[in-house]
């Protein structure tokens, strides 16, 4: 399951849940990045994904981190 993190509060909750600094990325989101909380359906393993558009307008992965990063 992918859930978009579209507010400072959502980023803060994800940062607390994952024990990493995603809460500080709101400025990147305002500049066009998109951040998602990912949860594997079977294993329930979690990760956080940050996407941004490259110069041609394609979405590219900037970061994909697990807990504690």
Protein backbone atom coordinates (compact mmCIF):
# COMPACT_ATOMS: atom_id res chain seq x y z
CA UNK A 1 0.00 0.00 0.00
CA UNK A 2 1.29 3.46 -0.87
CA UNK A 3 0.04 6.46 1.08
CA UNK A 4 0.95 9.98 0.01
CA UNK A 5 2.35 12.14 2.79
CA UNK A 6 0.91 15.50 1.86
CA UNK A 7 1.22 17.62 4.99
CA UNK A 8 3.83 18.55 7.59
CA UNK A 9 1.85 16.52 10.13
CA UNK A 10 1.83 13.41 7.93
CA UNK A 11 5.60 13.74 7.45
CA UNK A 12 6.13 14.17 11.21
CA UNK A 13 4.04 11.07 11.96
CA UNK A 14 5.98 9.04 9.39
CA UNK A 15 9.28 10.31 10.80
CA UNK A 16 8.26 9.27 14.32
CA UNK A 17 6.98 5.89 13.14
CA UNK A 18 10.10 5.19 11.04
CA UNK A 19 12.66 6.91 13.32
CA UNK A 20 14.13 9.04 10.55
CA UNK A 21 14.18 12.67 9.38
CA UNK A 22 11.42 12.69 6.74
CA UNK A 23 9.60 15.35 8.79
CA UNK A 24 12.18 17.88 7.59
CA UNK A 25 11.26 17.38 3.90
CA UNK A 26 8.16 19.58 3.71
CA UNK A 27 10.08 22.30 1.85
CA UNK A 28 11.01 19.68 -0.77
CA UNK A 29 7.34 18.76 -1.08
CA UNK A 30 6.40 22.39 -1.60
CA UNK A 31 9.03 22.50 -4.36
CA UNK A 32 7.43 19.52 -6.14
CA UNK A 33 8.78 16.34 -4.53
CA UNK A 34 6.29 13.68 -3.50
CA UNK A 35 6.78 11.42 -0.49
CA UNK A 36 4.98 8.13 0.14
CA UNK A 37 4.74 5.72 3.04
CA UNK A 38 4.93 2.18 1.66
CA UNK A 39 3.69 -0.91 3.52
CA UNK A 40 4.13 -4.37 2.01
CA UNK A 41 0.77 -6.17 2.02
CA UNK A 42 2.11 -9.56 3.16
CA UNK A 43 5.08 -8.79 5.40
CA UNK A 44 3.90 -5.39 6.71
CA UNK A 45 7.48 -4.12 6.21
CA UNK A 46 7.56 -0.33 5.89
CA UNK A 47 9.64 2.13 3.89
CA UNK A 48 9.49 5.77 2.83
CA UNK A 49 9.84 6.83 -0.81
CA UNK A 50 10.68 10.29 -2.19
CA UNK A 51 10.05 11.07 -5.87
CA UNK A 52 10.88 14.14 -7.92
CA UNK A 53 10.63 15.11 -11.56
CA UNK A 54 13.82 15.22 -13.62
CA UNK A 55 14.55 17.78 -16.36
CA UNK A 56 12.40 15.86 -18.86
CA UNK A 57 9.45 15.73 -16.47
CA UNK A 58 9.73 12.04 -15.62
CA UNK A 59 9.33 10.94 -12.00
CA UNK A 60 12.55 9.56 -10.50
CA UNK A 61 13.36 8.05 -7.12
CA UNK A 62 15.40 10.40 -4.94
CA UNK A 63 15.32 8.26 -1.80
CA UNK A 64 13.84 4.98 -0.64
CA UNK A 65 14.59 4.38 3.05
CA UNK A 66 13.65 1.88 5.71
CA UNK A 67 13.34 2.38 9.46
CA UNK A 68 16.12 4.24 11.25
CA UNK A 69 17.59 6.11 8.28
